[in-house]
Amino acid sequence: MPLSVRAGRSDLQRSNLVDQIHDELHRRITDRLMTAGERIIIDKLAAEFGVSLIPVREALARLKVERLVTHESNKGYRVAPAPEGFEMRKLFEARLIVELGALEQGFGNLTDALVEQLAAINATIRKGDYGPEFASFRDFIDRNAHFHRLIVGLAQNPFIDEAYSMLGYHQRVAQTLFGRGPDNLDMIVREHDAIVEALRKRDLAAAKQALGDHIRNGMDPYLA
């Protein structure tokens, strides 16, 4: 859950500080409350959140991996700009390689239970009501990420899982949804349905085609 900020300070549960600080900074960056290139002062954030420097640094390290912030030695952290077309093209191209490869590699690990889990996630996406701010479309980002990570996880290969996480795709896409929320939701759900149906039939060729088409269709608006 995002931090609850009241009277300039954050109401933090002590057990999960890094996650909460990460989520709150993610929200601020995505909603552009922190602007591209803005310097991030760790001491100031620690004072605002009422915590030590350590959880703030750990949260920023995670955001750096997700490419929501940048870091330079002796200069510290800054807010990364929203991704432009060239970066998004490369992200989608990387997704094609990783997701299709993982699907093919792990197809033999597919179970009926996993297929139904994917169908249930997509049904939840379909029922969602998403607005233009991060707090209102974060559920979509998380559910969509879960859907695709389950497919990548078929390979049962921690190095593939790590490579996919390192793309920071879902976090970077969140930045592009500011002010409007998810685009083409009906199309996304239909394409997920096609992937699920191909998996249910154990048709690898159809599943790869459906997944590849889904990723390419998502890339089209950025290329335009």
C-alpha atoms as a PDB file:
ATOM      1  CA  MET A   1       0.000   0.000   0.000  1.00  0.00           C
ATOM      2  CA  PRO A   2       1.220   3.549  -0.642  1.00  0.00           C
ATOM      3  CA  LEU A   3       2.331   5.603   2.320  1.00  0.00           C
ATOM      4  CA  SER A   4      -0.327   7.634   4.055  1.00  0.00           C
ATOM      5  CA  VAL A   5       1.091  11.151   4.181  1.00  0.00           C
ATOM      6  CA  ARG A   6      -0.420  13.467   6.739  1.00  0.00           C
ATOM      7  CA  ALA A   7       0.714  16.898   7.869  1.00  0.00           C
ATOM      8  CA  GLY A   8       3.947  16.573   5.889  1.00  0.00           C
ATOM      9  CA  ARG A   9       4.937  13.244   7.474  1.00  0.00           C
ATOM     10  CA  SER A  10       4.309   9.608   6.584  1.00  0.00           C
ATOM     11  CA  ASP A  11       2.387   7.143   8.699  1.00  0.00           C
ATOM     12  CA  LEU A  12       4.652   4.101   8.331  1.00  0.00           C
ATOM     13  CA  GLN A  13       4.269   0.593   9.604  1.00  0.00           C
ATOM     14  CA  ARG A  14       7.682  -0.290  10.907  1.00  0.00           C
ATOM     15  CA  SER A  15       7.633  -3.837   9.497  1.00  0.00           C
ATOM     16  CA  ASN A  16       7.663  -2.916   5.840  1.00  0.00           C
ATOM     17  CA  LEU A  17       9.451   0.382   5.506  1.00  0.00           C
ATOM     18  CA  VAL A  18      11.367  -0.253   2.295  1.00  0.00           C
ATOM     19  CA  ASP A  19       8.285  -1.454   0.404  1.00  0.00           C
ATOM     20  CA  GLN A  20       6.216   1.488   1.566  1.00  0.00           C
ATOM     21  CA  ILE A  21       8.869   4.076   0.784  1.00  0.00           C
ATOM     22  CA  HIS A  22       9.460   2.471  -2.617  1.00  0.00           C
ATOM     23  CA  ASP A  23       5.743   2.516  -3.399  1.00  0.00           C
ATOM     24  CA  GLU A  24       5.279   6.122  -2.327  1.00  0.00           C
ATOM     25  CA  LEU A  25       8.234   7.330  -4.401  1.00  0.00           C
ATOM     26  CA  HIS A  26       7.004   5.250  -7.335  1.00  0.00           C
ATOM     27  CA  ARG A  27       3.641   7.007  -7.030  1.00  0.00           C
ATOM     28  CA  ARG A  28       5.202  10.454  -6.894  1.00  0.00           C
ATOM     29  CA  ILE A  29       7.419   9.773  -9.914  1.00  0.00           C
ATOM     30  CA  THR A  30       4.592   8.260 -11.981  1.00  0.00           C
ATOM     31  CA  ASP A  31       2.185  11.097 -11.132  1.00  0.00           C
ATOM     32  CA  ARG A  32       4.982  13.590 -11.872  1.00  0.00           C
ATOM     33  CA  LEU A  33       4.889  15.057  -8.394  1.00  0.00           C
ATOM     34  CA  MET A  34       8.644  14.546  -8.648  1.00  0.00           C
ATOM     35  CA  THR A  35       9.845  15.939 -11.965  1.00  0.00           C
ATOM     36  CA  ALA A  36      12.350  14.503 -14.417  1.00  0.00           C
ATOM     37  CA  GLY A  37      15.896  15.380 -13.427  1.00  0.00           C
ATOM     38  CA  GLU A  38      14.900  16.443  -9.918  1.00  0.00           C
ATOM     39  CA  ARG A  39      17.585  15.724  -7.360  1.00  0.00           C
ATOM     40  CA  ILE A  40      16.509  13.301  -4.642  1.00  0.00           C
ATOM     41  CA  ILE A  41      17.821  14.249  -1.210  1.00  0.00           C
ATOM     42  CA  ILE A  42      17.948  11.158   0.993  1.00  0.00           C
ATOM     43  CA  ASP A  43      18.211  13.081   4.273  1.00  0.00           C
ATOM     44  CA  LYS A  44      15.124  15.102   3.420  1.00  0.00           C
ATOM     45  CA  LEU A  45      13.074  12.012   2.574  1.00  0.00           C
ATOM     46  CA  ALA A  46      14.205  10.216   5.721  1.00  0.00           C
ATOM     47  CA  ALA A  47      13.105  13.183   7.793  1.00  0.00           C
ATOM     48  CA  GLU A  48       9.753  13.386   5.980  1.00  0.00           C
ATOM     49  CA  PHE A  49       9.055   9.682   6.465  1.00  0.00           C
ATOM     50  CA  GLY A  50      10.416   9.629  10.001  1.00  0.00           C
ATOM     51  CA  VAL A  51      12.889   6.820   9.296  1.00  0.00           C
ATOM     52  CA  SER A  52      16.635   6.267   9.154  1.00  0.00           C
ATOM     53  CA  LEU A  53      18.606   6.695   5.930  1.00  0.00           C
ATOM     54  CA  ILE A  54      18.878   2.940   5.330  1.00  0.00           C
ATOM     55  CA  PRO A  55      15.323   2.119   4.135  1.00  0.00           C
ATOM     56  CA  VAL A  56      15.303   5.207   1.917  1.00  0.00           C
ATOM     57  CA  ARG A  57      18.564   4.102   0.289  1.00  0.00           C
ATOM     58  CA  GLU A  58      17.234   0.580  -0.189  1.00  0.00           C
ATOM     59  CA  ALA A  59      14.036   1.888  -1.770  1.00  0.00           C
ATOM     60  CA  LEU A  60      16.034   4.116  -4.116  1.00  0.00           C
ATOM     61  CA  ALA A  61      18.254   1.176  -5.090  1.00  0.00           C
ATOM     62  CA  ARG A  62      15.132  -0.723  -6.135  1.00  0.00           C
ATOM     63  CA  LEU A  63      13.847   2.255  -8.100  1.00  0.00           C
ATOM     64  CA  LYS A  64      17.196   2.465  -9.872  1.00  0.00           C
ATOM     65  CA  VAL A  65      16.916  -1.175 -10.965  1.00  0.00           C
ATOM     66  CA  GLU A  66      13.443  -0.322 -12.268  1.00  0.00           C
ATOM     67  CA  ARG A  67      14.997   2.681 -14.042  1.00  0.00           C
ATOM     68  CA  LEU A  68      12.673   5.155 -12.387  1.00  0.00           C
ATOM     69  CA  VAL A  69      15.659   6.978 -10.907  1.00  0.00           C
ATOM     70  CA  THR A  70      19.264   7.419 -11.991  1.00  0.00           C
ATOM     71  CA  HIS A  71      22.402   7.505  -9.884  1.00  0.00           C
ATOM     72  CA  GLU A  72      25.852   9.009 -10.402  1.00  0.00           C
ATOM     73  CA  SER A  73      28.790   8.680  -8.049  1.00  0.00           C
ATOM     74  CA  ASN A  74      29.289  11.799  -5.937  1.00  0.00           C
ATOM     75  CA  LYS A  75      26.092  13.286  -7.401  1.00  0.00           C
ATOM     76  CA  GLY A  76      23.421  11.038  -5.944  1.00  0.00           C
ATOM     77  CA  TYR A  77      19.974  10.116  -7.248  1.00  0.00           C
ATOM     78  CA  ARG A  78      17.751  11.979  -9.671  1.00  0.00           C
ATOM     79  CA  VAL A  79      14.299  11.267 -11.091  1.00  0.00           C
ATOM     80  CA  ALA A  80      14.538   9.568 -14.472  1.00  0.00           C
ATOM     81  CA  PRO A  81      12.565  11.080 -17.346  1.00  0.00           C
ATOM     82  CA  ALA A  82       9.585   9.173 -18.724  1.00  0.00           C
ATOM     83  CA  PRO A  83      10.641   6.743 -21.481  1.00  0.00           C
ATOM     84  CA  GLU A  84      10.638   7.969 -25.058  1.00  0.00           C
ATOM     85  CA  GLY A  85       9.787   6.027 -28.200  1.00  0.00           C
ATOM     86  CA  PHE A  86      13.251   4.556 -28.780  1.00  0.00           C
ATOM     87  CA  GLU A  87      13.479   3.162 -25.255  1.00  0.00           C
ATOM     88  CA  MET A  88       9.970   1.723 -25.413  1.00  0.00           C
ATOM     89  CA  ARG A  89      10.733   0.025 -28.729  1.00  0.00           C
ATOM     90  CA  LYS A  90      13.783  -1.642 -27.190  1.00  0.00           C
ATOM     91  CA  LEU A  91      11.796  -2.664 -24.112  1.00  0.00           C
ATOM     92  CA  PHE A  92       9.117  -4.313 -26.245  1.00  0.00           C
ATOM     93  CA  GLU A  93      11.745  -6.028 -28.388  1.00  0.00           C
ATOM     94  CA  ALA A  94      13.376  -7.392 -25.243  1.00  0.00           C
ATOM     95  CA  ARG A  95       9.986  -8.575 -23.989  1.00  0.00           C
ATOM     96  CA  LEU A  96       9.429 -10.488 -27.210  1.00  0.00           C
ATOM     97  CA  ILE A  97      12.713 -12.321 -26.801  1.00  0.00           C
ATOM     98  CA  VAL A  98      12.330 -13.078 -23.103  1.00  0.00           C
ATOM     99  CA  GLU A  99       8.616 -13.912 -22.953  1.00  0.00           C
ATOM    100  CA  LEU A 100       8.443 -15.977 -26.129  1.00  0.00           C
ATOM    101  CA  GLY A 101      11.652 -17.791 -25.222  1.00  0.00           C
ATOM    102  CA  ALA A 102      10.418 -18.520 -21.712  1.00  0.00           C
ATOM    103  CA  LEU A 103       7.070 -19.762 -23.045  1.00  0.00           C
ATOM    104  CA  GLU A 104       8.743 -22.144 -25.462  1.00  0.00           C
ATOM    105  CA  GLN A 105      11.343 -23.283 -22.918  1.00  0.00           C
ATOM    106  CA  GLY A 106       8.796 -23.893 -20.179  1.00  0.00           C
ATOM    107  CA  PHE A 107       5.792 -25.075 -22.152  1.00  0.00           C
ATOM    108  CA  GLY A 108       6.160 -28.590 -20.751  1.00  0.00           C
ATOM    109  CA  ASN A 109       5.689 -27.168 -17.249  1.00  0.00           C
ATOM    110  CA  LEU A 110       2.242 -25.800 -18.047  1.00  0.00           C
ATOM    111  CA  THR A 111      -0.536 -27.046 -15.783  1.00  0.00           C
ATOM    112  CA  ASP A 112      -4.309 -26.691 -15.806  1.00  0.00           C
ATOM    113  CA  ALA A 113      -4.040 -24.812 -12.514  1.00  0.00           C
ATOM    114  CA  LEU A 114      -1.717 -22.207 -14.050  1.00  0.00           C
ATOM    115  CA  VAL A 115      -4.001 -21.746 -17.056  1.00  0.00           C
ATOM    116  CA  GLU A 116      -6.941 -21.099 -14.752  1.00  0.00           C
ATOM    117  CA  GLN A 117      -4.840 -18.721 -12.656  1.00  0.00           C
ATOM    118  CA  LEU A 118      -4.056 -16.707 -15.803  1.00  0.00           C
ATOM    119  CA  ALA A 119      -7.753 -16.696 -16.722  1.00  0.00           C
ATOM    120  CA  ALA A 120      -8.692 -15.489 -13.241  1.00  0.00           C
ATOM    121  CA  ILE A 121      -6.151 -12.653 -13.353  1.00  0.00           C
ATOM    122  CA  ASN A 122      -7.492 -11.547 -16.730  1.00  0.00           C
ATOM    123  CA  ALA A 123     -11.059 -11.636 -15.421  1.00  0.00           C
ATOM    124  CA  THR A 124      -9.960  -9.336 -12.600  1.00  0.00           C
ATOM    125  CA  ILE A 125      -8.309  -6.975 -15.099  1.00  0.00           C
ATOM    126  CA  ARG A 126     -11.547  -6.925 -17.096  1.00  0.00           C
ATOM    127  CA  LYS A 127     -13.611  -5.885 -14.076  1.00  0.00           C
ATOM    128  CA  GLY A 128     -11.249  -3.125 -12.959  1.00  0.00           C
ATOM    129  CA  ASP A 129     -12.086   0.566 -12.962  1.00  0.00           C
ATOM    130  CA  TYR A 130      -8.918   2.522 -13.701  1.00  0.00           C
ATOM    131  CA  GLY A 131      -8.443   6.261 -13.560  1.00  0.00           C
ATOM    132  CA  PRO A 132      -5.718   8.673 -14.705  1.00  0.00           C
ATOM    133  CA  GLU A 133      -3.588   8.698 -11.528  1.00  0.00           C
ATOM    134  CA  PHE A 134      -1.178   6.015 -10.355  1.00  0.00           C
ATOM    135  CA  ALA A 135      -3.230   5.114  -7.286  1.00  0.00           C
ATOM    136  CA  SER A 136      -6.205   4.356  -9.553  1.00  0.00           C
ATOM    137  CA  PHE A 137      -4.399   2.365 -12.263  1.00  0.00           C
ATOM    138  CA  ARG A 138      -1.758   0.656 -10.160  1.00  0.00           C
ATOM    139  CA  ASP A 139      -3.964  -2.431  -9.819  1.00  0.00           C
ATOM    140  CA  PHE A 140      -3.936  -2.772 -13.599  1.00  0.00           C
ATOM    141  CA  ILE A 141      -0.140  -2.503 -13.693  1.00  0.00           C
ATOM    142  CA  ASP A 142       0.244  -5.109 -10.943  1.00  0.00           C
ATOM    143  CA  ARG A 143      -2.287  -7.549 -12.404  1.00  0.00           C
ATOM    144  CA  ASN A 144      -0.884  -7.257 -15.909  1.00  0.00           C
ATOM    145  CA  ALA A 145       2.646  -7.761 -14.585  1.00  0.00           C
ATOM    146  CA  HIS A 146       1.497 -10.833 -12.633  1.00  0.00           C
ATOM    147  CA  PHE A 147      -0.082 -12.312 -15.777  1.00  0.00           C
ATOM    148  CA  HIS A 148       3.107 -11.961 -17.788  1.00  0.00           C
ATOM    149  CA  ARG A 149       5.445 -13.010 -14.990  1.00  0.00           C
ATOM    150  CA  LEU A 150       3.538 -16.276 -14.653  1.00  0.00           C
ATOM    151  CA  ILE A 151       4.217 -16.959 -18.330  1.00  0.00           C
ATOM    152  CA  VAL A 152       7.907 -16.119 -17.924  1.00  0.00           C
ATOM    153  CA  GLY A 153       7.974 -18.295 -14.817  1.00  0.00           C
ATOM    154  CA  LEU A 154       7.039 -21.356 -16.882  1.00  0.00           C
ATOM    155  CA  ALA A 155      10.723 -21.700 -17.740  1.00  0.00           C
ATOM    156  CA  GLN A 156      11.488 -22.258 -14.042  1.00  0.00           C
ATOM    157  CA  ASN A 157      14.779 -20.477 -14.566  1.00  0.00           C
ATOM    158  CA  PRO A 158      15.815 -17.848 -12.000  1.00  0.00           C
ATOM    159  CA  PHE A 159      18.168 -16.187 -14.491  1.00  0.00           C
ATOM    160  CA  ILE A 160      15.300 -15.646 -16.950  1.00  0.00           C
ATOM    161  CA  ASP A 161      13.104 -14.354 -14.113  1.00  0.00           C
ATOM    162  CA  GLU A 162      15.842 -11.919 -13.120  1.00  0.00           C
ATOM    163  CA  ALA A 163      16.426 -10.781 -16.696  1.00  0.00           C
ATOM    164  CA  TYR A 164      12.724 -10.051 -17.082  1.00  0.00           C
ATOM    165  CA  SER A 165      12.587  -8.118 -13.809  1.00  0.00           C
ATOM    166  CA  MET A 166      15.656  -6.108 -14.816  1.00  0.00           C
ATOM    167  CA  LEU A 167      13.801  -4.765 -17.852  1.00  0.00           C
ATOM    168  CA  GLY A 168      11.686  -2.630 -15.537  1.00  0.00           C
ATOM    169  CA  TYR A 169       9.045  -2.763 -18.265  1.00  0.00           C
ATOM    170  CA  HIS A 170       5.922  -2.522 -16.131  1.00  0.00           C
ATOM    171  CA  GLN A 171       7.347   0.304 -14.009  1.00  0.00           C
ATOM    172  CA  ARG A 172       8.404   2.296 -17.069  1.00  0.00           C
ATOM    173  CA  VAL A 173       5.049   1.799 -18.774  1.00  0.00           C
ATOM    174  CA  ALA A 174       3.352   3.169 -15.658  1.00  0.00           C
ATOM    175  CA  GLN A 175       5.089   6.501 -16.298  1.00  0.00           C
ATOM    176  CA  THR A 176       3.531   6.716 -19.762  1.00  0.00           C
ATOM    177  CA  LEU A 177      -0.013   6.276 -18.400  1.00  0.00           C
ATOM    178  CA  PHE A 178       0.023   9.504 -16.395  1.00  0.00           C
ATOM    179  CA  GLY A 179      -3.106  11.557 -16.950  1.00  0.00           C
ATOM    180  CA  ARG A 180      -5.066   8.892 -18.822  1.00  0.00           C
ATOM    181  CA  GLY A 181      -4.684   5.411 -17.344  1.00  0.00           C
ATOM    182  CA  PRO A 182      -4.368   2.195 -19.373  1.00  0.00           C
ATOM    183  CA  ASP A 183      -5.025   2.379 -23.108  1.00  0.00           C
ATOM    184  CA  ASN A 184      -7.053  -0.136 -25.121  1.00  0.00           C
ATOM    185  CA  LEU A 185      -8.121  -2.140 -22.079  1.00  0.00           C
ATOM    186  CA  ASP A 186     -10.701  -4.146 -24.043  1.00  0.00           C
ATOM    187  CA  MET A 187      -8.063  -5.143 -26.580  1.00  0.00           C
ATOM    188  CA  ILE A 188      -5.604  -6.146 -23.845  1.00  0.00           C
ATOM    189  CA  VAL A 189      -8.209  -8.372 -22.211  1.00  0.00           C
ATOM    190  CA  ARG A 190      -9.156  -9.983 -25.539  1.00  0.00           C
ATOM    191  CA  GLU A 191      -5.534 -10.675 -26.354  1.00  0.00           C
ATOM    192  CA  HIS A 192      -4.974 -12.181 -22.914  1.00  0.00           C
ATOM    193  CA  ASP A 193      -8.027 -14.367 -23.555  1.00  0.00           C
ATOM    194  CA  ALA A 194      -6.457 -15.592 -26.793  1.00  0.00           C
ATOM    195  CA  ILE A 195      -3.233 -16.475 -24.977  1.00  0.00           C
ATOM    196  CA  VAL A 196      -5.140 -18.331 -22.265  1.00  0.00           C
ATOM    197  CA  GLU A 197      -7.254 -20.253 -24.781  1.00  0.00           C
ATOM    198  CA  ALA A 198      -4.175 -21.369 -26.737  1.00  0.00           C
ATOM    199  CA  LEU A 199      -2.527 -22.504 -23.508  1.00  0.00           C
ATOM    200  CA  ARG A 200      -5.683 -24.318 -22.454  1.00  0.00           C
ATOM    201  CA  LYS A 201      -5.571 -26.242 -25.728  1.00  0.00           C
ATOM    202  CA  ARG A 202      -1.840 -26.911 -25.243  1.00  0.00           C
ATOM    203  CA  ASP A 203      -1.174 -25.343 -28.645  1.00  0.00           C
ATOM    204  CA  LEU A 204       2.338 -23.911 -28.391  1.00  0.00           C
ATOM    205  CA  ALA A 205       2.370 -22.378 -31.875  1.00  0.00           C
ATOM    206  CA  ALA A 206      -0.935 -20.576 -31.269  1.00  0.00           C
ATOM    207  CA  ALA A 207       0.169 -19.447 -27.802  1.00  0.00           C
ATOM    208  CA  LYS A 208       3.412 -17.985 -29.171  1.00  0.00           C
ATOM    209  CA  GLN A 209       1.502 -16.258 -31.961  1.00  0.00           C
ATOM    210  CA  ALA A 210      -1.059 -14.805 -29.540  1.00  0.00           C
ATOM    211  CA  LEU A 211       1.601 -13.649 -27.083  1.00  0.00           C
ATOM    212  CA  GLY A 212       3.784 -12.171 -29.828  1.00  0.00           C
ATOM    213  CA  ASP A 213       0.833 -10.328 -31.391  1.00  0.00           C
ATOM    214  CA  HIS A 214      -0.134  -8.992 -27.961  1.00  0.00           C
ATOM    215  CA  ILE A 215       3.326  -7.581 -27.287  1.00  0.00           C
ATOM    216  CA  ARG A 216       3.662  -6.108 -30.789  1.00  0.00           C
ATOM    217  CA  ASN A 217       0.230  -4.492 -30.592  1.00  0.00           C
ATOM    218  CA  GLY A 218       1.225  -2.889 -27.306  1.00  0.00           C
ATOM    219  CA  MET A 219       4.309  -1.459 -28.989  1.00  0.00           C
ATOM    220  CA  ASP A 220       2.442   0.148 -31.910  1.00  0.00           C
ATOM    221  CA  PRO A 221       1.311   3.339 -30.110  1.00  0.00           C
ATOM    222  CA  TYR A 222       4.895   4.082 -29.062  1.00  0.00           C
ATOM    223  CA  LEU A 223       6.218   3.566 -32.583  1.00  0.00           C
ATOM    224  CA  ALA A 224       3.510   5.889 -33.938  1.00  0.00           C
END
